[in-house]
């Protein structure tokens, strides 16, 4: 269960996970809070109470995401989630742009 007010207090507003110039976007997907970042192999980040279980997979926006890394921070666990991308830099960039568009659509 995500406690949005606690996440904002711990990670937002210039402390912890700062959002430069308040331009970060947060997505509420399947009852969890995520942020999008298309870099270093991970596309989504979540903040939760526990580390993901071994082999855990989440289906979000019609794609399967697996944990890329996780670390405890300020009492919560920051998890980077990654999905498989096509080979080739142009195809991978196109897939990331499509994912970002899908995240912004209602009821993704």
C-alpha atoms as a PDB file:
ATOM      1  CA  UNK A   1       0.000   0.000   0.000  1.00  0.00           C
ATOM      2  CA  UNK A   2       1.441   3.325  -1.016  1.00  0.00           C
ATOM      3  CA  UNK A   3       1.043   6.264   1.292  1.00  0.00           C
ATOM      4  CA  UNK A   4       1.298   9.187  -1.127  1.00  0.00           C
ATOM      5  CA  UNK A   5       1.640  11.847   1.569  1.00  0.00           C
ATOM      6  CA  UNK A   6       4.523   9.959   3.183  1.00  0.00           C
ATOM      7  CA  UNK A   7       6.239   9.364  -0.167  1.00  0.00           C
ATOM      8  CA  UNK A   8       6.016  13.069  -0.963  1.00  0.00           C
ATOM      9  CA  UNK A   9       7.347  14.017   2.456  1.00  0.00           C
ATOM     10  CA  UNK A  10      10.296  11.586   2.240  1.00  0.00           C
ATOM     11  CA  UNK A  11      11.194  11.624  -1.462  1.00  0.00           C
ATOM     12  CA  UNK A  12       9.753  14.799  -2.960  1.00  0.00           C
ATOM     13  CA  UNK A  13       9.952  18.548  -2.450  1.00  0.00           C
ATOM     14  CA  UNK A  14      13.718  18.839  -2.914  1.00  0.00           C
ATOM     15  CA  UNK A  15      14.731  16.162  -0.391  1.00  0.00           C
ATOM     16  CA  UNK A  16      15.676  12.560  -1.103  1.00  0.00           C
ATOM     17  CA  UNK A  17      14.341  11.895  -4.585  1.00  0.00           C
ATOM     18  CA  UNK A  18      14.268  15.510  -5.682  1.00  0.00           C
ATOM     19  CA  UNK A  19      12.182  16.527  -8.649  1.00  0.00           C
ATOM     20  CA  UNK A  20      14.181  19.291 -10.297  1.00  0.00           C
ATOM     21  CA  UNK A  21      11.973  22.297 -10.928  1.00  0.00           C
ATOM     22  CA  UNK A  22       8.964  20.170  -9.906  1.00  0.00           C
ATOM     23  CA  UNK A  23       8.754  18.667 -13.409  1.00  0.00           C
ATOM     24  CA  UNK A  24       8.777  14.956 -12.527  1.00  0.00           C
ATOM     25  CA  UNK A  25       5.692  12.971 -13.475  1.00  0.00           C
ATOM     26  CA  UNK A  26       4.237  10.345 -11.197  1.00  0.00           C
ATOM     27  CA  UNK A  27       2.007   7.520 -12.457  1.00  0.00           C
ATOM     28  CA  UNK A  28      -0.480   5.530 -10.439  1.00  0.00           C
ATOM     29  CA  UNK A  29      -0.431   2.045 -12.011  1.00  0.00           C
ATOM     30  CA  UNK A  30      -2.102  -1.023 -10.521  1.00  0.00           C
ATOM     31  CA  UNK A  31      -2.265   0.562  -7.080  1.00  0.00           C
ATOM     32  CA  UNK A  32       1.417   1.615  -6.939  1.00  0.00           C
ATOM     33  CA  UNK A  33       3.181   4.908  -7.521  1.00  0.00           C
ATOM     34  CA  UNK A  34       5.810   4.965 -10.307  1.00  0.00           C
ATOM     35  CA  UNK A  35       8.071   7.486 -11.990  1.00  0.00           C
ATOM     36  CA  UNK A  36       9.362   7.165 -15.567  1.00  0.00           C
ATOM     37  CA  UNK A  37      13.030   7.384 -16.494  1.00  0.00           C
ATOM     38  CA  UNK A  38      14.268   6.048 -19.801  1.00  0.00           C
ATOM     39  CA  UNK A  39      17.881   5.404 -18.944  1.00  0.00           C
ATOM     40  CA  UNK A  40      20.430   2.889 -17.718  1.00  0.00           C
ATOM     41  CA  UNK A  41      18.226  -0.098 -18.567  1.00  0.00           C
ATOM     42  CA  UNK A  42      15.419   0.741 -16.139  1.00  0.00           C
ATOM     43  CA  UNK A  43      12.283   2.514 -17.279  1.00  0.00           C
ATOM     44  CA  UNK A  44      10.135   2.791 -14.133  1.00  0.00           C
ATOM     45  CA  UNK A  45      10.893   3.368 -10.463  1.00  0.00           C
ATOM     46  CA  UNK A  46       8.592   2.573  -7.549  1.00  0.00           C
ATOM     47  CA  UNK A  47       8.791   3.179  -3.819  1.00  0.00           C
ATOM     48  CA  UNK A  48       7.464   0.417  -1.621  1.00  0.00           C
ATOM     49  CA  UNK A  49       7.917  -1.112   1.817  1.00  0.00           C
ATOM     50  CA  UNK A  50       9.604  -4.373   0.783  1.00  0.00           C
ATOM     51  CA  UNK A  51      12.066  -5.591  -1.815  1.00  0.00           C
ATOM     52  CA  UNK A  52      10.455  -7.452  -4.737  1.00  0.00           C
ATOM     53  CA  UNK A  53      10.232 -11.201  -4.477  1.00  0.00           C
ATOM     54  CA  UNK A  54      12.695 -13.243  -6.576  1.00  0.00           C
ATOM     55  CA  UNK A  55      11.323 -13.638 -10.083  1.00  0.00           C
ATOM     56  CA  UNK A  56       8.565 -11.084  -9.523  1.00  0.00           C
ATOM     57  CA  UNK A  57       7.005  -9.667 -12.687  1.00  0.00           C
ATOM     58  CA  UNK A  58       4.507  -6.813 -12.967  1.00  0.00           C
ATOM     59  CA  UNK A  59       2.251  -6.246 -15.960  1.00  0.00           C
ATOM     60  CA  UNK A  60       1.965  -2.489 -16.550  1.00  0.00           C
ATOM     61  CA  UNK A  61       0.765  -0.712 -19.705  1.00  0.00           C
ATOM     62  CA  UNK A  62       0.590  -4.044 -21.505  1.00  0.00           C
ATOM     63  CA  UNK A  63       4.264  -4.848 -20.820  1.00  0.00           C
ATOM     64  CA  UNK A  64       6.005  -7.153 -18.375  1.00  0.00           C
ATOM     65  CA  UNK A  65       8.435  -5.407 -16.008  1.00  0.00           C
ATOM     66  CA  UNK A  66      11.036  -7.127 -13.846  1.00  0.00           C
ATOM     67  CA  UNK A  67      13.149  -5.641 -11.048  1.00  0.00           C
ATOM     68  CA  UNK A  68      16.396  -4.177 -12.343  1.00  0.00           C
ATOM     69  CA  UNK A  69      17.713  -3.087  -8.938  1.00  0.00           C
ATOM     70  CA  UNK A  70      16.417  -2.252  -5.476  1.00  0.00           C
ATOM     71  CA  UNK A  71      17.826  -0.479  -2.447  1.00  0.00           C
ATOM     72  CA  UNK A  72      16.483   0.653   0.889  1.00  0.00           C
ATOM     73  CA  UNK A  73      16.346   4.402   1.351  1.00  0.00           C
ATOM     74  CA  UNK A  74      14.716   6.437   4.110  1.00  0.00           C
ATOM     75  CA  UNK A  75      12.830   3.369   5.356  1.00  0.00           C
ATOM     76  CA  UNK A  76      11.333   2.592   1.938  1.00  0.00           C
ATOM     77  CA  UNK A  77      12.648   0.493  -0.935  1.00  0.00           C
ATOM     78  CA  UNK A  78      13.371   2.176  -4.264  1.00  0.00           C
ATOM     79  CA  UNK A  79      12.905  -0.353  -7.069  1.00  0.00           C
ATOM     80  CA  UNK A  80      13.972   0.173 -10.667  1.00  0.00           C
ATOM     81  CA  UNK A  81      11.817  -1.824 -13.099  1.00  0.00           C
ATOM     82  CA  UNK A  82      12.816  -2.765 -16.646  1.00  0.00           C
ATOM     83  CA  UNK A  83      11.046  -4.263 -19.616  1.00  0.00           C
ATOM     84  CA  UNK A  84      12.627  -5.922 -22.639  1.00  0.00           C
ATOM     85  CA  UNK A  85      13.400  -3.546 -25.473  1.00  0.00           C
ATOM     86  CA  UNK A  86      13.981  -4.433 -29.117  1.00  0.00           C
ATOM     87  CA  UNK A  87      17.563  -4.675 -30.332  1.00  0.00           C
ATOM     88  CA  UNK A  88      18.985  -1.687 -32.154  1.00  0.00           C
ATOM     89  CA  UNK A  89      19.193   1.822 -30.733  1.00  0.00           C
ATOM     90  CA  UNK A  90      16.534   3.319 -33.016  1.00  0.00           C
ATOM     91  CA  UNK A  91      13.990   0.590 -32.250  1.00  0.00           C
ATOM     92  CA  UNK A  92      14.739   0.784 -28.501  1.00  0.00           C
ATOM     93  CA  UNK A  93      14.313   4.582 -28.480  1.00  0.00           C
ATOM     94  CA  UNK A  94      11.032   4.255 -30.376  1.00  0.00           C
ATOM     95  CA  UNK A  95       9.818   1.668 -27.829  1.00  0.00           C
ATOM     96  CA  UNK A  96      10.738   4.011 -24.948  1.00  0.00           C
ATOM     97  CA  UNK A  97       8.840   6.907 -26.557  1.00  0.00           C
ATOM     98  CA  UNK A  98       5.833   4.615 -27.024  1.00  0.00           C
ATOM     99  CA  UNK A  99       6.018   3.532 -23.367  1.00  0.00           C
ATOM    100  CA  UNK A 100       6.106   7.161 -22.229  1.00  0.00           C
ATOM    101  CA  UNK A 101       3.051   7.948 -24.394  1.00  0.00           C
ATOM    102  CA  UNK A 102       1.199   4.903 -23.016  1.00  0.00           C
ATOM    103  CA  UNK A 103       1.943   5.959 -19.446  1.00  0.00           C
ATOM    104  CA  UNK A 104       0.330   9.337 -20.073  1.00  0.00           C
ATOM    105  CA  UNK A 105      -2.876   7.820 -21.397  1.00  0.00           C
ATOM    106  CA  UNK A 106      -5.773   7.395 -18.993  1.00  0.00           C
ATOM    107  CA  UNK A 107      -6.477   3.845 -17.847  1.00  0.00           C
ATOM    108  CA  UNK A 108      -3.135   2.472 -19.124  1.00  0.00           C
END
